[in-house]
Amino acid sequence: MNEEYRDVEEVLMVIKKATMFADPIMKISTKGLAKIVQFLARMVKEKIIDKREFKDFQNFAKQKETLMYLIFR
């Protein structure tokens, strides 16, 4: 019983350490996403890509953010 309790404690400690690193990664990811959206908006303005492609990317990014929120909340 003592050994099982120790194993559970180890698993919980690993999870706790992993969540400490998740927050900075999420912040970096969000800043990167903002830069990509900005870049694509400029491409639309210069008529390099269609507005439809830009909207498709925005929809994809919204779905990704929703998924990441559900995973890390």
PDB file of N, CA and C in Angstrom:
ATOM      1  N   MET A   1       0.822  -1.192   0.000  1.00  0.00           N
ATOM      2  CA  MET A   1       0.000   0.000   0.000  1.00  0.00           C
ATOM      3  C   MET A   1       0.865   1.255   0.000  1.00  0.00           C
ATOM      4  N   ASN A   2       1.911   1.269   0.741  1.00  0.00           N
ATOM      5  CA  ASN A   2       2.799   2.413   0.821  1.00  0.00           C
ATOM      6  C   ASN A   2       3.453   2.706  -0.532  1.00  0.00           C
ATOM      7  N   GLU A   3       3.826   1.640  -1.230  1.00  0.00           N
ATOM      8  CA  GLU A   3       4.466   1.799  -2.536  1.00  0.00           C
ATOM      9  C   GLU A   3       3.483   2.379  -3.563  1.00  0.00           C
ATOM     10  N   GLU A   4       2.241   1.945  -3.520  1.00  0.00           N
ATOM     11  CA  GLU A   4       1.222   2.470  -4.424  1.00  0.00           C
ATOM     12  C   GLU A   4       0.983   3.958  -4.148  1.00  0.00           C
ATOM     13  N   TYR A   5       0.948   4.308  -2.880  1.00  0.00           N
ATOM     14  CA  TYR A   5       0.761   5.705  -2.501  1.00  0.00           C
ATOM     15  C   TYR A   5       1.915   6.560  -3.027  1.00  0.00           C
ATOM     16  N   ARG A   6       3.115   6.040  -2.950  1.00  0.00           N
ATOM     17  CA  ARG A   6       4.296   6.747  -3.449  1.00  0.00           C
ATOM     18  C   ARG A   6       4.215   6.933  -4.967  1.00  0.00           C
ATOM     19  N   ASP A   7       3.751   5.892  -5.668  1.00  0.00           N
ATOM     20  CA  ASP A   7       3.601   5.991  -7.118  1.00  0.00           C
ATOM     21  C   ASP A   7       2.585   7.076  -7.498  1.00  0.00           C
ATOM     22  N   VAL A   8       1.503   7.138  -6.772  1.00  0.00           N
ATOM     23  CA  VAL A   8       0.485   8.153  -7.032  1.00  0.00           C
ATOM     24  C   VAL A   8       1.067   9.539  -6.784  1.00  0.00           C
ATOM     25  N   GLU A   9       1.830   9.686  -5.715  1.00  0.00           N
ATOM     26  CA  GLU A   9       2.463  10.970  -5.412  1.00  0.00           C
ATOM     27  C   GLU A   9       3.427  11.383  -6.525  1.00  0.00           C
ATOM     28  N   GLU A  10       4.177  10.438  -7.067  1.00  0.00           N
ATOM     29  CA  GLU A  10       5.107  10.737  -8.161  1.00  0.00           C
ATOM     30  C   GLU A  10       4.360  11.230  -9.394  1.00  0.00           C
ATOM     31  N   VAL A  11       3.268  10.555  -9.727  1.00  0.00           N
ATOM     32  CA  VAL A  11       2.476  10.946 -10.897  1.00  0.00           C
ATOM     33  C   VAL A  11       1.917  12.349 -10.708  1.00  0.00           C
ATOM     34  N   LEU A  12       1.393  12.633  -9.539  1.00  0.00           N
ATOM     35  CA  LEU A  12       0.856  13.968  -9.268  1.00  0.00           C
ATOM     36  C   LEU A  12       1.945  15.034  -9.343  1.00  0.00           C
ATOM     37  N   MET A  13       3.143  14.719  -8.895  1.00  0.00           N
ATOM     38  CA  MET A  13       4.248  15.677  -8.952  1.00  0.00           C
ATOM     39  C   MET A  13       4.640  15.960 -10.405  1.00  0.00           C
ATOM     40  N   VAL A  14       4.661  14.937 -11.235  1.00  0.00           N
ATOM     41  CA  VAL A  14       4.985  15.121 -12.651  1.00  0.00           C
ATOM     42  C   VAL A  14       3.935  15.997 -13.327  1.00  0.00           C
ATOM     43  N   ILE A  15       2.670  15.773 -13.010  1.00  0.00           N
ATOM     44  CA  ILE A  15       1.596  16.591 -13.587  1.00  0.00           C
ATOM     45  C   ILE A  15       1.733  18.037 -13.136  1.00  0.00           C
ATOM     46  N   LYS A  16       2.042  18.241 -11.867  1.00  0.00           N
ATOM     47  CA  LYS A  16       2.199  19.594 -11.336  1.00  0.00           C
ATOM     48  C   LYS A  16       3.346  20.322 -12.039  1.00  0.00           C
ATOM     49  N   LYS A  17       4.461  19.627 -12.273  1.00  0.00           N
ATOM     50  CA  LYS A  17       5.599  20.239 -12.965  1.00  0.00           C
ATOM     51  C   LYS A  17       5.245  20.577 -14.407  1.00  0.00           C
ATOM     52  N   ALA A  18       4.498  19.697 -15.058  1.00  0.00           N
ATOM     53  CA  ALA A  18       4.120  19.935 -16.449  1.00  0.00           C
ATOM     54  C   ALA A  18       3.219  21.162 -16.573  1.00  0.00           C
ATOM     55  N   THR A  19       2.323  21.364 -15.629  1.00  0.00           N
ATOM     56  CA  THR A  19       1.428  22.516 -15.711  1.00  0.00           C
ATOM     57  C   THR A  19       2.167  23.826 -15.460  1.00  0.00           C
ATOM     58  N   MET A  20       3.272  23.786 -14.739  1.00  0.00           N
ATOM     59  CA  MET A  20       4.057  25.009 -14.536  1.00  0.00           C
ATOM     60  C   MET A  20       4.619  25.509 -15.864  1.00  0.00           C
ATOM     61  N   PHE A  21       4.969  24.595 -16.765  1.00  0.00           N
ATOM     62  CA  PHE A  21       5.549  24.978 -18.047  1.00  0.00           C
ATOM     63  C   PHE A  21       4.481  25.280 -19.093  1.00  0.00           C
ATOM     64  N   ALA A  22       3.249  24.885 -18.865  1.00  0.00           N
ATOM     65  CA  ALA A  22       2.190  25.091 -19.850  1.00  0.00           C
ATOM     66  C   ALA A  22       1.839  26.573 -19.994  1.00  0.00           C
ATOM     67  N   ASP A  23       1.833  27.331 -18.909  1.00  0.00           N
ATOM     68  CA  ASP A  23       1.437  28.735 -18.964  1.00  0.00           C
ATOM     69  C   ASP A  23       2.340  29.564 -19.880  1.00  0.00           C
ATOM     70  N   PRO A  24       3.685  29.512 -19.733  1.00  0.00           N
ATOM     71  CA  PRO A  24       4.530  30.283 -20.659  1.00  0.00           C
ATOM     72  C   PRO A  24       4.371  29.846 -22.111  1.00  0.00           C
ATOM     73  N   ILE A  25       4.171  28.569 -22.316  1.00  0.00           N
ATOM     74  CA  ILE A  25       4.000  28.067 -23.684  1.00  0.00           C
ATOM     75  C   ILE A  25       2.719  28.633 -24.286  1.00  0.00           C
ATOM     76  N   MET A  26       1.663  28.694 -23.487  1.00  0.00           N
ATOM     77  CA  MET A  26       0.403  29.246 -23.985  1.00  0.00           C
ATOM     78  C   MET A  26       0.555  30.723 -24.323  1.00  0.00           C
ATOM     79  N   LYS A  27       1.310  31.464 -23.517  1.00  0.00           N
ATOM     80  CA  LYS A  27       1.515  32.887 -23.793  1.00  0.00           C
ATOM     81  C   LYS A  27       2.287  33.085 -25.089  1.00  0.00           C
ATOM     82  N   ILE A  28       3.326  32.294 -25.298  1.00  0.00           N
ATOM     83  CA  ILE A  28       4.118  32.380 -26.529  1.00  0.00           C
ATOM     84  C   ILE A  28       3.253  32.014 -27.727  1.00  0.00           C
ATOM     85  N   SER A  29       2.451  30.991 -27.572  1.00  0.00           N
ATOM     86  CA  SER A  29       1.566  30.550 -28.650  1.00  0.00           C
ATOM     87  C   SER A  29       0.579  31.647 -29.034  1.00  0.00           C
ATOM     88  N   THR A  30       0.035  32.328 -28.052  1.00  0.00           N
ATOM     89  CA  THR A  30      -0.937  33.390 -28.311  1.00  0.00           C
ATOM     90  C   THR A  30      -0.290  34.567 -29.030  1.00  0.00           C
ATOM     91  N   LYS A  31       0.919  34.949 -28.602  1.00  0.00           N
ATOM     92  CA  LYS A  31       1.619  36.054 -29.279  1.00  0.00           C
ATOM     93  C   LYS A  31       1.937  35.682 -30.721  1.00  0.00           C
ATOM     94  N   GLY A  32       2.360  34.444 -30.945  1.00  0.00           N
ATOM     95  CA  GLY A  32       2.658  33.986 -32.301  1.00  0.00           C
ATOM     96  C   GLY A  32       1.429  33.996 -33.182  1.00  0.00           C
ATOM     97  N   LEU A  33       0.317  33.564 -32.629  1.00  0.00           N
ATOM     98  CA  LEU A  33      -0.939  33.556 -33.382  1.00  0.00           C
ATOM     99  C   LEU A  33      -1.348  34.975 -33.761  1.00  0.00           C
ATOM    100  N   ALA A  34      -1.174  35.905 -32.846  1.00  0.00           N
ATOM    101  CA  ALA A  34      -1.511  37.305 -33.138  1.00  0.00           C
ATOM    102  C   ALA A  34      -0.648  37.841 -34.280  1.00  0.00           C
ATOM    103  N   LYS A  35       0.633  37.500 -34.290  1.00  0.00           N
ATOM    104  CA  LYS A  35       1.528  37.955 -35.364  1.00  0.00           C
ATOM    105  C   LYS A  35       1.128  37.349 -36.707  1.00  0.00           C
ATOM    106  N   ILE A  36       0.726  36.081 -36.707  1.00  0.00           N
ATOM    107  CA  ILE A  36       0.306  35.429 -37.955  1.00  0.00           C
ATOM    108  C   ILE A  36      -0.958  36.104 -38.493  1.00  0.00           C
ATOM    109  N   VAL A  37      -1.916  36.377 -37.624  1.00  0.00           N
ATOM    110  CA  VAL A  37      -3.155  37.038 -38.051  1.00  0.00           C
ATOM    111  C   VAL A  37      -2.837  38.421 -38.620  1.00  0.00           C
ATOM    112  N   GLN A  38      -1.948  39.139 -37.955  1.00  0.00           N
ATOM    113  CA  GLN A  38      -1.539  40.468 -38.439  1.00  0.00           C
ATOM    114  C   GLN A  38      -0.895  40.362 -39.824  1.00  0.00           C
ATOM    115  N   PHE A  39      -0.017  39.398 -39.996  1.00  0.00           N
ATOM    116  CA  PHE A  39       0.665  39.192 -41.272  1.00  0.00           C
ATOM    117  C   PHE A  39      -0.336  38.847 -42.372  1.00  0.00           C
ATOM    118  N   LEU A  40      -1.273  37.946 -42.072  1.00  0.00           N
ATOM    119  CA  LEU A  40      -2.272  37.569 -43.073  1.00  0.00           C
ATOM    120  C   LEU A  40      -3.191  38.736 -43.417  1.00  0.00           C
ATOM    121  N   ALA A  41      -3.524  39.563 -42.425  1.00  0.00           N
ATOM    122  CA  ALA A  41      -4.361  40.740 -42.693  1.00  0.00           C
ATOM    123  C   ALA A  41      -3.653  41.688 -43.657  1.00  0.00           C
ATOM    124  N   ARG A  42      -2.361  41.854 -43.480  1.00  0.00           N
ATOM    125  CA  ARG A  42      -1.599  42.702 -44.412  1.00  0.00           C
ATOM    126  C   ARG A  42      -1.588  42.098 -45.810  1.00  0.00           C
ATOM    127  N   MET A  43      -1.493  40.763 -45.884  1.00  0.00           N
ATOM    128  CA  MET A  43      -1.509  40.105 -47.193  1.00  0.00           C
ATOM    129  C   MET A  43      -2.850  40.308 -47.884  1.00  0.00           C
ATOM    130  N   VAL A  44      -3.943  40.302 -47.120  1.00  0.00           N
ATOM    131  CA  VAL A  44      -5.271  40.567 -47.701  1.00  0.00           C
ATOM    132  C   VAL A  44      -5.335  42.002 -48.208  1.00  0.00           C
ATOM    133  N   LYS A  45      -4.814  42.915 -47.404  1.00  0.00           N
ATOM    134  CA  LYS A  45      -4.833  44.334 -47.775  1.00  0.00           C
ATOM    135  C   LYS A  45      -4.064  44.569 -49.076  1.00  0.00           C
ATOM    136  N   GLU A  46      -2.963  43.838 -49.251  1.00  0.00           N
ATOM    137  CA  GLU A  46      -2.155  43.979 -50.467  1.00  0.00           C
ATOM    138  C   GLU A  46      -2.639  43.057 -51.587  1.00  0.00           C
ATOM    139  N   LYS A  47      -3.750  42.359 -51.333  1.00  0.00           N
ATOM    140  CA  LYS A  47      -4.390  41.460 -52.303  1.00  0.00           C
ATOM    141  C   LYS A  47      -3.475  40.321 -52.749  1.00  0.00           C
ATOM    142  N   ILE A  48      -2.687  39.830 -51.821  1.00  0.00           N
ATOM    143  CA  ILE A  48      -1.846  38.655 -52.092  1.00  0.00           C
ATOM    144  C   ILE A  48      -2.663  37.387 -51.867  1.00  0.00           C
ATOM    145  N   ILE A  49      -3.535  37.419 -50.865  1.00  0.00           N
ATOM    146  CA  ILE A  49      -4.441  36.299 -50.614  1.00  0.00           C
ATOM    147  C   ILE A  49      -5.875  36.829 -50.557  1.00  0.00           C
ATOM    148  N   ASP A  50      -6.832  35.927 -50.720  1.00  0.00           N
ATOM    149  CA  ASP A  50      -8.248  36.301 -50.663  1.00  0.00           C
ATOM    150  C   ASP A  50      -8.704  36.483 -49.218  1.00  0.00           C
ATOM    151  N   LYS A  51      -9.776  37.267 -49.073  1.00  0.00           N
ATOM    152  CA  LYS A  51     -10.370  37.434 -47.743  1.00  0.00           C
ATOM    153  C   LYS A  51     -10.882  36.105 -47.208  1.00  0.00           C
ATOM    154  N   ARG A  52     -11.357  35.261 -48.119  1.00  0.00           N
ATOM    155  CA  ARG A  52     -11.890  33.955 -47.722  1.00  0.00           C
ATOM    156  C   ARG A  52     -10.818  33.106 -47.048  1.00  0.00           C
ATOM    157  N   GLU A  53      -9.601  33.124 -47.585  1.00  0.00           N
ATOM    158  CA  GLU A  53      -8.504  32.369 -46.979  1.00  0.00           C
ATOM    159  C   GLU A  53      -8.180  32.905 -45.590  1.00  0.00           C
ATOM    160  N   PHE A  54      -8.216  34.216 -45.437  1.00  0.00           N
ATOM    161  CA  PHE A  54      -7.969  34.835 -44.140  1.00  0.00           C
ATOM    162  C   PHE A  54      -9.035  34.420 -43.133  1.00  0.00           C
ATOM    163  N   LYS A  55     -10.305  34.436 -43.560  1.00  0.00           N
ATOM    164  CA  LYS A  55     -11.391  34.035 -42.674  1.00  0.00           C
ATOM    165  C   LYS A  55     -11.291  32.550 -42.318  1.00  0.00           C
ATOM    166  N   ASP A  56     -10.872  31.724 -43.276  1.00  0.00           N
ATOM    167  CA  ASP A  56     -10.671  30.296 -42.993  1.00  0.00           C
ATOM    168  C   ASP A  56      -9.618  30.106 -41.907  1.00  0.00           C
ATOM    169  N   PHE A  57      -8.536  30.868 -41.994  1.00  0.00           N
ATOM    170  CA  PHE A  57      -7.490  30.767 -40.973  1.00  0.00           C
ATOM    171  C   PHE A  57      -8.000  31.244 -39.621  1.00  0.00           C
ATOM    172  N   GLN A  58      -8.772  32.329 -39.619  1.00  0.00           N
ATOM    173  CA  GLN A  58      -9.323  32.822 -38.355  1.00  0.00           C
ATOM    174  C   GLN A  58     -10.236  31.783 -37.704  1.00  0.00           C
ATOM    175  N   ASN A  59     -11.059  31.131 -38.499  1.00  0.00           N
ATOM    176  CA  ASN A  59     -11.936  30.087 -37.969  1.00  0.00           C
ATOM    177  C   ASN A  59     -11.123  28.925 -37.406  1.00  0.00           C
ATOM    178  N   PHE A  60     -10.074  28.544 -38.122  1.00  0.00           N
ATOM    179  CA  PHE A  60      -9.196  27.477 -37.641  1.00  0.00           C
ATOM    180  C   PHE A  60      -8.550  27.865 -36.317  1.00  0.00           C
ATOM    181  N   ALA A  61      -8.080  29.101 -36.222  1.00  0.00           N
ATOM    182  CA  ALA A  61      -7.422  29.562 -34.998  1.00  0.00           C
ATOM    183  C   ALA A  61      -8.404  29.585 -33.828  1.00  0.00           C
ATOM    184  N   LYS A  62      -9.635  29.980 -34.078  1.00  0.00           N
ATOM    185  CA  LYS A  62     -10.639  29.990 -33.014  1.00  0.00           C
ATOM    186  C   LYS A  62     -10.904  28.573 -32.513  1.00  0.00           C
ATOM    187  N   GLN A  63     -10.983  27.623 -33.432  1.00  0.00           N
ATOM    188  CA  GLN A  63     -11.190  26.226 -33.033  1.00  0.00           C
ATOM    189  C   GLN A  63     -10.001  25.707 -32.237  1.00  0.00           C
ATOM    190  N   LYS A  64      -8.794  26.074 -32.661  1.00  0.00           N
ATOM    191  CA  LYS A  64      -7.586  25.645 -31.959  1.00  0.00           C
ATOM    192  C   LYS A  64      -7.555  26.210 -30.546  1.00  0.00           C
ATOM    193  N   GLU A  65      -7.868  27.504 -30.408  1.00  0.00           N
ATOM    194  CA  GLU A  65      -7.864  28.132 -29.084  1.00  0.00           C
ATOM    195  C   GLU A  65      -8.909  27.504 -28.180  1.00  0.00           C
ATOM    196  N   THR A  66     -10.071  27.174 -28.728  1.00  0.00           N
ATOM    197  CA  THR A  66     -11.104  26.520 -27.932  1.00  0.00           C
ATOM    198  C   THR A  66     -10.620  25.172 -27.455  1.00  0.00           C
ATOM    199  N   LEU A  67      -9.983  24.428 -28.336  1.00  0.00           N
ATOM    200  CA  LEU A  67      -9.458  23.110 -27.965  1.00  0.00           C
ATOM    201  C   LEU A  67      -8.382  23.246 -26.895  1.00  0.00           C
ATOM    202  N   MET A  68      -7.465  24.201 -27.052  1.00  0.00           N
ATOM    203  CA  MET A  68      -6.398  24.379 -26.060  1.00  0.00           C
ATOM    204  C   MET A  68      -6.984  24.811 -24.715  1.00  0.00           C
ATOM    205  N   TYR A  69      -8.035  25.641 -24.740  1.00  0.00           N
ATOM    206  CA  TYR A  69      -8.675  26.056 -23.493  1.00  0.00           C
ATOM    207  C   TYR A  69      -9.278  24.857 -22.770  1.00  0.00           C
ATOM    208  N   LEU A  70      -9.928  23.985 -23.536  1.00  0.00           N
ATOM    209  CA  LEU A  70     -10.544  22.805 -22.920  1.00  0.00           C
ATOM    210  C   LEU A  70      -9.504  21.860 -22.341  1.00  0.00           C
ATOM    211  N   ILE A  71      -8.345  21.767 -22.995  1.00  0.00           N
ATOM    212  CA  ILE A  71      -7.298  20.866 -22.526  1.00  0.00           C
ATOM    213  C   ILE A  71      -6.630  21.413 -21.266  1.00  0.00           C
ATOM    214  N   PHE A  72      -6.320  22.710 -21.222  1.00  0.00           N
ATOM    215  CA  PHE A  72      -5.503  23.265 -20.141  1.00  0.00           C
ATOM    216  C   PHE A  72      -6.291  23.992 -19.055  1.00  0.00           C
ATOM    217  N   ARG A  73      -7.597  23.916 -19.054  1.00  0.00           N
ATOM    218  CA  ARG A  73      -8.322  24.625 -17.996  1.00  0.00           C
ATOM    219  C   ARG A  73      -8.339  23.852 -16.714  1.00  0.00           C
TER     220      ARG A  73
END
